[in-house]
C-alpha atoms as a PDB file:
ATOM      1  CA  MET A   1     128.078 110.829  94.949  1.00  0.00           C
ATOM      2  CA  SER A   2     131.596 109.547  95.730  1.00  0.00           C
ATOM      3  CA  ASN A   3     131.652 106.781  98.327  1.00  0.00           C
ATOM      4  CA  LEU A   4     134.761 108.217  99.968  1.00  0.00           C
ATOM      5  CA  SER A   5     133.335 111.730 100.277  1.00  0.00           C
ATOM      6  CA  GLU A   6     130.092 110.213 101.562  1.00  0.00           C
ATOM      7  CA  LEU A   7     132.147 108.179 104.048  1.00  0.00           C
ATOM      8  CA  GLY A   8     133.844 111.293 105.392  1.00  0.00           C
ATOM      9  CA  GLU A   9     130.578 113.178 105.759  1.00  0.00           C
ATOM     10  CA  PHE A  10     128.872 110.218 107.436  1.00  0.00           C
ATOM     11  CA  LEU A  11     131.699 109.889 109.973  1.00  0.00           C
ATOM     12  CA  ARG A  12     131.689 113.626 110.730  1.00  0.00           C
ATOM     13  CA  VAL A  13     127.916 113.774 111.229  1.00  0.00           C
ATOM     14  CA  ARG A  14     127.856 110.714 113.488  1.00  0.00           C
ATOM     15  CA  ARG A  15     130.874 111.871 115.488  1.00  0.00           C
ATOM     16  CA  ALA A  16     129.237 115.274 116.022  1.00  0.00           C
ATOM     17  CA  ALA A  17     126.097 113.555 117.345  1.00  0.00           C
ATOM     18  CA  LEU A  18     127.997 111.829 120.183  1.00  0.00           C
ATOM     19  CA  GLN A  19     128.728 113.541 123.484  1.00  0.00           C
ATOM     20  CA  PRO A  20     131.696 112.477 125.675  1.00  0.00           C
ATOM     21  CA  GLU A  21     129.359 111.181 128.375  1.00  0.00           C
ATOM     22  CA  ASP A  22     127.655 108.959 125.767  1.00  0.00           C
ATOM     23  CA  VAL A  23     130.832 106.919 125.442  1.00  0.00           C
ATOM     24  CA  GLY A  24     132.155 107.117 128.998  1.00  0.00           C
ATOM     25  CA  LEU A  25     134.553 110.043 128.568  1.00  0.00           C
ATOM     26  CA  LEU A  26     134.876 113.060 130.867  1.00  0.00           C
ATOM     27  CA  ASN A  27     133.846 116.385 129.376  1.00  0.00           C
ATOM     28  CA  TYR A  28     136.210 119.231 130.256  1.00  0.00           C
ATOM     29  CA  GLY A  29     134.997 122.745 129.572  1.00  0.00           C
ATOM     30  CA  ILE A  30     133.172 124.230 126.598  1.00  0.00           C
ATOM     31  CA  ARG A  31     133.818 122.682 123.188  1.00  0.00           C
ATOM     32  CA  ARG A  32     134.178 124.831 120.095  1.00  0.00           C
ATOM     33  CA  VAL A  33     132.346 122.266 117.969  1.00  0.00           C
ATOM     34  CA  PRO A  34     129.633 119.782 118.989  1.00  0.00           C
ATOM     35  CA  GLY A  35     130.310 116.138 119.635  1.00  0.00           C
ATOM     36  CA  LEU A  36     133.486 114.123 120.066  1.00  0.00           C
ATOM     37  CA  ARG A  37     136.849 115.319 118.864  1.00  0.00           C
ATOM     38  CA  ARG A  38     138.585 113.287 116.163  1.00  0.00           C
ATOM     39  CA  GLU A  39     141.292 112.160 118.549  1.00  0.00           C
ATOM     40  CA  GLU A  40     138.684 110.927 121.027  1.00  0.00           C
ATOM     41  CA  LEU A  41     136.893 108.870 118.410  1.00  0.00           C
ATOM     42  CA  ALA A  42     140.219 107.486 117.160  1.00  0.00           C
ATOM     43  CA  MET A  43     141.167 106.499 120.702  1.00  0.00           C
ATOM     44  CA  LEU A  44     137.833 104.746 121.245  1.00  0.00           C
ATOM     45  CA  ALA A  45     138.241 102.876 117.957  1.00  0.00           C
ATOM     46  CA  GLY A  46     141.851 101.918 118.683  1.00  0.00           C
ATOM     47  CA  VAL A  47     143.300 103.597 115.561  1.00  0.00           C
ATOM     48  CA  SER A  48     145.707 106.465 115.151  1.00  0.00           C
ATOM     49  CA  ASN A  49     144.330 109.977 114.926  1.00  0.00           C
ATOM     50  CA  THR A  50     146.192 110.450 111.637  1.00  0.00           C
ATOM     51  CA  TYR A  51     144.583 107.386 110.072  1.00  0.00           C
ATOM     52  CA  TYR A  52     141.093 108.279 111.290  1.00  0.00           C
ATOM     53  CA  THR A  53     141.531 111.825 109.964  1.00  0.00           C
ATOM     54  CA  ARG A  54     142.374 110.423 106.531  1.00  0.00           C
ATOM     55  CA  LEU A  55     139.137 108.435 106.604  1.00  0.00           C
ATOM     56  CA  GLU A  56     137.099 111.541 107.427  1.00  0.00           C
ATOM     57  CA  GLN A  57     138.862 113.430 104.653  1.00  0.00           C
ATOM     58  CA  GLY A  58     138.054 110.727 102.110  1.00  0.00           C
ATOM     59  CA  LEU A  59     141.711 109.907 101.532  1.00  0.00           C
ATOM     60  CA  SER A  60     141.679 106.190 102.364  1.00  0.00           C
ATOM     61  CA  ASN A  61     139.837 103.403 100.564  1.00  0.00           C
ATOM     62  CA  ASN A  62     141.531 100.343 102.027  1.00  0.00           C
ATOM     63  CA  ALA A  63     140.338 100.238 105.623  1.00  0.00           C
ATOM     64  CA  SER A  64     140.319  96.716 106.986  1.00  0.00           C
ATOM     65  CA  GLU A  65     137.174  95.018 108.217  1.00  0.00           C
ATOM     66  CA  ALA A  66     138.514  95.109 111.780  1.00  0.00           C
ATOM     67  CA  VAL A  67     139.089  98.874 111.626  1.00  0.00           C
ATOM     68  CA  ILE A  68     135.636  99.553 110.180  1.00  0.00           C
ATOM     69  CA  ASP A  69     134.071  97.365 112.842  1.00  0.00           C
ATOM     70  CA  SER A  70     135.972  99.197 115.595  1.00  0.00           C
ATOM     71  CA  ILE A  71     134.840 102.583 114.295  1.00  0.00           C
ATOM     72  CA  ALA A  72     131.248 101.353 114.063  1.00  0.00           C
ATOM     73  CA  ARG A  73     131.370 100.286 117.725  1.00  0.00           C
ATOM     74  CA  ALA A  74     132.934 103.589 118.772  1.00  0.00           C
ATOM     75  CA  LEU A  75     130.148 105.479 117.003  1.00  0.00           C
ATOM     76  CA  ASN A  76     127.439 103.280 118.578  1.00  0.00           C
ATOM     77  CA  LEU A  77     126.015 102.426 115.157  1.00  0.00           C
ATOM     78  CA  ASN A  78     123.008 100.156 114.845  1.00  0.00           C
ATOM     79  CA  PRO A  79     123.112  97.181 112.405  1.00  0.00           C
ATOM     80  CA  ASP A  80     121.727  99.168 109.445  1.00  0.00           C
ATOM     81  CA  GLU A  81     124.160 102.030 110.046  1.00  0.00           C
ATOM     82  CA  ARG A  82     127.043  99.593 110.457  1.00  0.00           C
ATOM     83  CA  ALA A  83     126.236  97.944 107.103  1.00  0.00           C
ATOM     84  CA  HIS A  84     126.069 101.399 105.535  1.00  0.00           C
ATOM     85  CA  LEU A  85     129.511 102.255 106.940  1.00  0.00           C
ATOM     86  CA  PHE A  86     130.973  99.076 105.439  1.00  0.00           C
ATOM     87  CA  ASN A  87     129.445  99.913 102.040  1.00  0.00           C
ATOM     88  CA  LEU A  88     130.954 103.393 102.091  1.00  0.00           C
ATOM     89  CA  ALA A  89     134.371 102.377 103.420  1.00  0.00           C
ATOM     90  CA  ARG A  90     134.843  99.519 100.951  1.00  0.00           C
ATOM     91  CA  PRO A  91     133.433 100.786  97.638  1.00  0.00           C
ATOM     92  CA  GLY A  92     135.333  98.168  95.676  1.00  0.00           C
ATOM     93  CA  LYS A  93     132.836  95.579  96.945  1.00  0.00           C
ATOM     94  CA  THR A  94     129.948  97.243  95.075  1.00  0.00           C
ATOM     95  CA  LYS A  95     129.127  96.191  91.550  1.00  0.00           C
ATOM     96  CA  ARG A  96     128.216  98.796  88.995  1.00  0.00           C
ATOM     97  CA  ARG A  97     124.784  98.150  87.512  1.00  0.00           C
ATOM     98  CA  THR A  98     124.038  99.498  84.043  1.00  0.00           C
ATOM     99  CA  LEU A  99     120.504  99.619  82.714  1.00  0.00           C
ATOM    100  CA  THR A 100     120.213  99.416  78.938  1.00  0.00           C
ATOM    101  CA  LYS A 101     116.436  99.903  78.852  1.00  0.00           C
ATOM    102  CA  PRO A 102     113.731 101.310  81.140  1.00  0.00           C
ATOM    103  CA  ASP A 103     113.054  99.199  84.191  1.00  0.00           C
ATOM    104  CA  LYS A 104     109.753  97.368  84.517  1.00  0.00           C
ATOM    105  CA  ALA A 105     108.082  94.898  86.839  1.00  0.00           C
ATOM    106  CA  ARG A 106     108.274  91.223  85.962  1.00  0.00           C
ATOM    107  CA  PRO A 107     105.112  89.591  84.552  1.00  0.00           C
ATOM    108  CA  GLY A 108     104.970  87.234  87.511  1.00  0.00           C
ATOM    109  CA  THR A 109     105.051  90.166  89.907  1.00  0.00           C
ATOM    110  CA  LEU A 110     102.191  91.824  88.037  1.00  0.00           C
ATOM    111  CA  ARG A 111     100.156  88.638  88.298  1.00  0.00           C
ATOM    112  CA  LEU A 112     100.892  88.424  92.011  1.00  0.00           C
ATOM    113  CA  ILE A 113      99.756  91.936  92.920  1.00  0.00           C
ATOM    114  CA  GLY A 114      96.824  91.637  90.514  1.00  0.00           C
ATOM    115  CA  SER A 115      95.571  88.673  92.527  1.00  0.00           C
ATOM    116  CA  MET A 116      95.592  90.686  95.768  1.00  0.00           C
ATOM    117  CA  PHE A 117      92.019  91.956  95.682  1.00  0.00           C
ATOM    118  CA  THR A 118      91.909  92.887  99.374  1.00  0.00           C
ATOM    119  CA  THR A 119      95.512  94.053  99.864  1.00  0.00           C
ATOM    120  CA  PRO A 120      96.866  97.343  98.515  1.00  0.00           C
ATOM    121  CA  ALA A 121     100.198  96.626  96.828  1.00  0.00           C
ATOM    122  CA  VAL A 122     102.804  98.756  95.041  1.00  0.00           C
ATOM    123  CA  VAL A 123     105.858  97.497  93.133  1.00  0.00           C
ATOM    124  CA  LEU A 124     108.830  99.786  93.665  1.00  0.00           C
ATOM    125  CA  GLY A 125     112.040 100.008  91.696  1.00  0.00           C
ATOM    126  CA  ARG A 126     115.511 100.536  93.069  1.00  0.00           C
ATOM    127  CA  ARG A 127     114.986 104.262  93.696  1.00  0.00           C
ATOM    128  CA  SER A 128     111.391 104.023  94.982  1.00  0.00           C
ATOM    129  CA  GLU A 129     109.936 104.647  91.536  1.00  0.00           C
ATOM    130  CA  VAL A 130     106.528 103.038  91.059  1.00  0.00           C
ATOM    131  CA  LEU A 131     106.772 100.215  88.519  1.00  0.00           C
ATOM    132  CA  ALA A 132     103.214  98.997  89.062  1.00  0.00           C
ATOM    133  CA  TRP A 133     100.368  98.954  91.546  1.00  0.00           C
ATOM    134  CA  ASN A 134      97.180  97.028  91.912  1.00  0.00           C
ATOM    135  CA  PRO A 135      93.879  98.950  91.837  1.00  0.00           C
ATOM    136  CA  LEU A 136      93.563  99.135  95.620  1.00  0.00           C
ATOM    137  CA  GLY A 137      97.198 100.209  96.033  1.00  0.00           C
ATOM    138  CA  HIS A 138      96.702 102.952  93.466  1.00  0.00           C
ATOM    139  CA  ARG A 139      93.486 104.126  95.116  1.00  0.00           C
ATOM    140  CA  LEU A 140      95.163 104.166  98.539  1.00  0.00           C
ATOM    141  CA  VAL A 141      98.402 106.037  97.822  1.00  0.00           C
ATOM    142  CA  ALA A 142      97.825 108.008  94.607  1.00  0.00           C
ATOM    143  CA  GLY A 143      94.232 108.038  93.435  1.00  0.00           C
ATOM    144  CA  HIS A 144      94.790 111.523  92.019  1.00  0.00           C
ATOM    145  CA  LEU A 145      97.254 110.127  89.454  1.00  0.00           C
ATOM    146  CA  ASP A 146      96.564 108.147  86.293  1.00  0.00           C
ATOM    147  CA  PHE A 147      96.467 104.418  87.035  1.00  0.00           C
ATOM    148  CA  ALA A 148      98.650 103.734  83.963  1.00  0.00           C
ATOM    149  CA  SER A 149     101.334 106.313  84.851  1.00  0.00           C
ATOM    150  CA  PRO A 150     103.891 103.687  86.021  1.00  0.00           C
ATOM    151  CA  ASP A 151     103.911 102.243  82.490  1.00  0.00           C
ATOM    152  CA  THR A 152     105.604 105.355  81.038  1.00  0.00           C
ATOM    153  CA  PRO A 153     109.112 106.023  82.432  1.00  0.00           C
ATOM    154  CA  SER A 154     108.969 109.760  81.632  1.00  0.00           C
ATOM    155  CA  VAL A 155     105.941 110.302  83.910  1.00  0.00           C
ATOM    156  CA  ARG A 156     106.432 107.374  86.294  1.00  0.00           C
ATOM    157  CA  PRO A 157     105.645 108.364  89.909  1.00  0.00           C
ATOM    158  CA  ASN A 158     108.342 108.155  92.554  1.00  0.00           C
ATOM    159  CA  MET A 159     107.194 107.614  96.131  1.00  0.00           C
ATOM    160  CA  THR A 160     109.982 109.729  97.655  1.00  0.00           C
ATOM    161  CA  ARG A 161     109.520 112.584  95.189  1.00  0.00           C
ATOM    162  CA  MET A 162     105.760 112.521  95.796  1.00  0.00           C
ATOM    163  CA  LEU A 163     106.240 112.577  99.565  1.00  0.00           C
ATOM    164  CA  PHE A 164     108.252 115.803  99.449  1.00  0.00           C
ATOM    165  CA  LEU A 165     106.920 117.603  96.372  1.00  0.00           C
ATOM    166  CA  ASP A 166     103.323 116.456  95.816  1.00  0.00           C
ATOM    167  CA  PRO A 167     100.755 118.254  98.048  1.00  0.00           C
ATOM    168  CA  HIS A 168      98.222 115.419  97.777  1.00  0.00           C
ATOM    169  CA  THR A 169     100.745 112.857  99.016  1.00  0.00           C
ATOM    170  CA  ARG A 170     101.924 115.140 101.803  1.00  0.00           C
ATOM    171  CA  GLU A 171      98.357 115.506 103.061  1.00  0.00           C
ATOM    172  CA  LEU A 172      97.888 111.729 102.995  1.00  0.00           C
ATOM    173  CA  TYR A 173     100.285 111.097 105.904  1.00  0.00           C
ATOM    174  CA  THR A 174      99.187 112.369 109.309  1.00  0.00           C
ATOM    175  CA  ARG A 175     102.693 111.734 110.659  1.00  0.00           C
ATOM    176  CA  TRP A 176     104.490 113.235 107.697  1.00  0.00           C
ATOM    177  CA  GLU A 177     107.773 113.911 109.518  1.00  0.00           C
ATOM    178  CA  GLU A 178     108.010 110.248 110.521  1.00  0.00           C
ATOM    179  CA  GLU A 179     107.340 109.150 106.950  1.00  0.00           C
ATOM    180  CA  ALA A 180     109.873 111.644 105.587  1.00  0.00           C
ATOM    181  CA  ASN A 181     112.600 110.416 107.938  1.00  0.00           C
ATOM    182  CA  ARG A 182     111.903 106.839 106.881  1.00  0.00           C
ATOM    183  CA  ALA A 183     112.051 107.707 103.186  1.00  0.00           C
ATOM    184  CA  VAL A 184     115.365 109.580 103.466  1.00  0.00           C
ATOM    185  CA  ALA A 185     116.896 106.836 105.615  1.00  0.00           C
ATOM    186  CA  SER A 186     116.009 104.261 102.962  1.00  0.00           C
ATOM    187  CA  LEU A 187     117.416 106.442 100.200  1.00  0.00           C
ATOM    188  CA  ARG A 188     120.653 106.983 102.150  1.00  0.00           C
ATOM    189  CA  ARG A 189     121.041 103.248 102.544  1.00  0.00           C
ATOM    190  CA  LEU A 190     120.603 102.808  98.810  1.00  0.00           C
ATOM    191  CA  ALA A 191     123.166 105.516  98.070  1.00  0.00           C
ATOM    192  CA  GLY A 192     125.741 103.610 100.099  1.00  0.00           C
ATOM    193  CA  MET A 193     125.058 100.381  98.224  1.00  0.00           C
ATOM    194  CA  THR A 194     125.375 101.703  94.664  1.00  0.00           C
ATOM    195  CA  THR A 195     128.050 103.488  92.675  1.00  0.00           C
ATOM    196  CA  ASP A 196     127.771 105.690  89.578  1.00  0.00           C
ATOM    197  CA  ASP A 197     123.963 105.726  89.779  1.00  0.00           C
ATOM    198  CA  THR A 198     123.199 108.854  87.781  1.00  0.00           C
ATOM    199  CA  GLU A 199     119.432 108.493  88.188  1.00  0.00           C
ATOM    200  CA  LEU A 200     119.762 108.353  91.963  1.00  0.00           C
ATOM    201  CA  ALA A 201     122.115 111.347  91.959  1.00  0.00           C
ATOM    202  CA  ARG A 202     119.621 113.253  89.809  1.00  0.00           C
ATOM    203  CA  LEU A 203     116.771 112.437  92.192  1.00  0.00           C
ATOM    204  CA  VAL A 204     118.756 113.516  95.260  1.00  0.00           C
ATOM    205  CA  GLY A 205     119.833 116.715  93.507  1.00  0.00           C
ATOM    206  CA  GLU A 206     116.269 117.562  92.501  1.00  0.00           C
ATOM    207  CA  LEU A 207     114.881 116.977  95.986  1.00  0.00           C
ATOM    208  CA  THR A 208     117.726 118.881  97.624  1.00  0.00           C
ATOM    209  CA  MET A 209     117.062 121.922  95.422  1.00  0.00           C
ATOM    210  CA  LYS A 210     113.257 121.848  95.657  1.00  0.00           C
ATOM    211  CA  SER A 211     112.695 120.757  99.264  1.00  0.00           C
ATOM    212  CA  PRO A 212     114.549 122.378 102.189  1.00  0.00           C
ATOM    213  CA  GLU A 213     113.084 119.661 104.423  1.00  0.00           C
ATOM    214  CA  PHE A 214     114.646 116.931 102.309  1.00  0.00           C
ATOM    215  CA  ALA A 215     117.985 118.790 102.228  1.00  0.00           C
ATOM    216  CA  SER A 216     117.988 119.087 106.023  1.00  0.00           C
ATOM    217  CA  LEU A 217     117.187 115.410 106.551  1.00  0.00           C
ATOM    218  CA  TRP A 218     119.688 114.273 103.917  1.00  0.00           C
ATOM    219  CA  ALA A 219     122.472 116.194 105.644  1.00  0.00           C
ATOM    220  CA  LYS A 220     121.834 114.252 108.869  1.00  0.00           C
ATOM    221  CA  HIS A 221     122.710 110.916 107.202  1.00  0.00           C
ATOM    222  CA  PRO A 222     119.896 108.759 108.607  1.00  0.00           C
ATOM    223  CA  VAL A 223     120.179 105.106 107.564  1.00  0.00           C
ATOM    224  CA  GLU A 224     117.519 102.428 107.978  1.00  0.00           C
ATOM    225  CA  ASN A 225     116.373  99.315 106.172  1.00  0.00           C
ATOM    226  CA  CYS A 226     112.614  99.888 106.463  1.00  0.00           C
ATOM    227  CA  MET A 227     110.972  96.500 105.969  1.00  0.00           C
ATOM    228  CA  SER A 228     107.871  96.754 108.160  1.00  0.00           C
ATOM    229  CA  GLY A 229     106.031  99.077 110.477  1.00  0.00           C
ATOM    230  CA  LEU A 230     102.993 101.326 110.696  1.00  0.00           C
ATOM    231  CA  LYS A 231     101.762 104.084 108.439  1.00  0.00           C
ATOM    232  CA  TYR A 232      99.260 106.670 109.615  1.00  0.00           C
ATOM    233  CA  MET A 233      97.100 108.133 106.866  1.00  0.00           C
ATOM    234  CA  HIS A 234      94.126 110.393 106.326  1.00  0.00           C
ATOM    235  CA  HIS A 235      92.616 109.283 103.052  1.00  0.00           C
ATOM    236  CA  PRO A 236      90.415 111.849 101.252  1.00  0.00           C
ATOM    237  CA  GLU A 237      87.687 109.236 100.664  1.00  0.00           C
ATOM    238  CA  VAL A 238      87.624 106.997 103.740  1.00  0.00           C
ATOM    239  CA  GLY A 239      89.281 109.050 106.487  1.00  0.00           C
ATOM    240  CA  ASP A 240      91.883 107.975 109.031  1.00  0.00           C
ATOM    241  CA  LEU A 241      93.818 104.733 108.541  1.00  0.00           C
ATOM    242  CA  GLU A 242      96.392 102.995 110.718  1.00  0.00           C
ATOM    243  CA  LEU A 243      97.952 100.408 108.431  1.00  0.00           C
ATOM    244  CA  ASN A 244     100.695  97.839 108.776  1.00  0.00           C
ATOM    245  CA  PHE A 245     103.189  97.719 105.938  1.00  0.00           C
ATOM    246  CA  GLU A 246     105.489  94.936 104.803  1.00  0.00           C
ATOM    247  CA  VAL A 247     108.179  95.109 102.126  1.00  0.00           C
ATOM    248  CA  LEU A 248     109.148  92.016 100.150  1.00  0.00           C
ATOM    249  CA  THR A 249     112.464  92.352  98.323  1.00  0.00           C
ATOM    250  CA  GLN A 250     112.984  90.226  95.238  1.00  0.00           C
ATOM    251  CA  GLN A 251     116.067  88.029  95.467  1.00  0.00           C
ATOM    252  CA  ASP A 252     117.833  89.178  92.327  1.00  0.00           C
ATOM    253  CA  GLU A 253     119.866  92.230  91.306  1.00  0.00           C
ATOM    254  CA  SER A 254     116.847  94.270  90.209  1.00  0.00           C
ATOM    255  CA  GLY A 255     116.285  95.954  93.569  1.00  0.00           C
ATOM    256  CA  HIS A 256     112.521  95.581  93.070  1.00  0.00           C
ATOM    257  CA  ARG A 257     110.313  95.549  96.172  1.00  0.00           C
ATOM    258  CA  ILE A 258     106.636  94.900  96.785  1.00  0.00           C
ATOM    259  CA  LEU A 259     105.108  97.244  99.358  1.00  0.00           C
ATOM    260  CA  MET A 260     101.904  95.868 100.885  1.00  0.00           C
ATOM    261  CA  TYR A 261      99.446  97.433 103.317  1.00  0.00           C
ATOM    262  CA  THR A 262      97.190  95.550 105.737  1.00  0.00           C
ATOM    263  CA  ALA A 263      94.838  96.496 108.560  1.00  0.00           C
ATOM    264  CA  ASP A 264      94.335  94.655 111.833  1.00  0.00           C
ATOM    265  CA  PRO A 265      91.058  92.697 111.793  1.00  0.00           C
ATOM    266  CA  CYS A 266      87.921  94.287 113.221  1.00  0.00           C
ATOM    267  CA  THR A 267      89.379  97.788 113.326  1.00  0.00           C
ATOM    268  CA  PRO A 268      88.187 101.070 111.812  1.00  0.00           C
ATOM    269  CA  ALA A 269      91.107 100.806 109.356  1.00  0.00           C
ATOM    270  CA  ALA A 270      89.884  97.383 108.184  1.00  0.00           C
ATOM    271  CA  GLU A 271      86.403  98.810 107.639  1.00  0.00           C
ATOM    272  CA  ALA A 272      87.866 101.783 105.759  1.00  0.00           C
ATOM    273  CA  LEU A 273      89.905  99.494 103.478  1.00  0.00           C
ATOM    274  CA  GLN A 274      86.797  97.427 102.809  1.00  0.00           C
ATOM    275  CA  LEU A 275      84.909 100.579 101.851  1.00  0.00           C
ATOM    276  CA  LEU A 276      87.746 101.687  99.591  1.00  0.00           C
ATOM    277  CA  ARG A 277      87.796  98.263  97.963  1.00  0.00           C
ATOM    278  CA  SER A 278      84.033  98.350  97.329  1.00  0.00           C
ATOM    279  CA  GLU A 279      84.467 101.589  95.396  1.00  0.00           C
ATOM    280  CA  THR A 280      87.484 100.401  93.388  1.00  0.00           C
ATOM    281  CA  ASP A 281      87.298  98.869  89.922  1.00  0.00           C
ATOM    282  CA  VAL A 282      89.731  96.087  89.001  1.00  0.00           C
ATOM    283  CA  PRO A 283      91.210  96.700  85.531  1.00  0.00           C
ATOM    284  CA  GLN A 284      91.543  93.355  83.733  1.00  0.00           C
ATOM    285  CA  ALA A 285      94.949  94.333  82.343  1.00  0.00           C
ATOM    286  CA  VAL A 286      96.499  94.206  85.799  1.00  0.00           C
ATOM    287  CA  VAL A 287      95.241  90.704  86.529  1.00  0.00           C
ATOM    288  CA  CYS A 288      96.432  89.267  83.227  1.00  0.00           C
ATOM    289  CA  SER A 289      98.601  91.006  80.626  1.00  0.00           C
ATOM    290  CA  SER A 290      98.474  90.118  76.952  1.00  0.00           C
ATOM    291  CA  ALA A 291     101.926  88.554  77.135  1.00  0.00           C
ATOM    292  CA  ASP A 292     100.923  86.239  79.950  1.00  0.00           C
ATOM    293  CA  SER A 293      97.291  85.464  79.226  1.00  0.00           C
ATOM    294  CA  VAL A 294      95.835  82.181  80.330  1.00  0.00           C
ATOM    295  CA  THR A 295      92.833  80.284  79.166  1.00  0.00           C
ATOM    296  CA  ALA A 296      90.213  79.295  81.682  1.00  0.00           C
END
């Protein structure tokens, strides 16, 4: 996924989504293609039509910060979309990250989620692959899978892949379209932040081939840094759940995140989580691994 080709596609999609009246321009007659014309966008951004055309064609990789900022304003981009545009337009700022061995959650992270007896928690890798989960997190989002599956890279679950290709996961979300949009927007943001990520390219290629819904959403270039919000679920064991989610991102270059689910107090969702917890065993290995054992 070349940053410059992604830049051109992102600009074209966002330009096509804007109507002249959205940006204070008069609309004369019927347009052959939807959205603003290139020359209109260039005028709004204060750059030449020739230069803007080169950007859309992926022929320029040295746009200044001022130019990128002007184009972002002309396209009415929100903060997440603006950051994505900067990542695509200035690929030289992105470091290449090479993994020499399979990724795994840190021991301290495992201890942390293992101590969360009342909070479902899932540790996600850079591409939304599941690196670990605590017993309640596993029971909530993927009770039909082996609890130990994140330990083996070849069968490690991926939350985005499951959302689009796993029937059990699809049935879990009562607002599946909302969840799908959020997942693709997060993946698009990641794609703009990384270069030469063959695993990410493989995941996008697989989902594009196997899921027309993913392919359609991916082509729209949604971008969002999804850190908190609500998830609406229908769990096969405890019924409907309206849960808050929070994402904690580790402050290193790993890209690891901890996804946690909570229910508002004294709600049916809180009662359902309590019921799910009462039926969930806590494997000792999650609370304390052999490498990090402690003596009482």
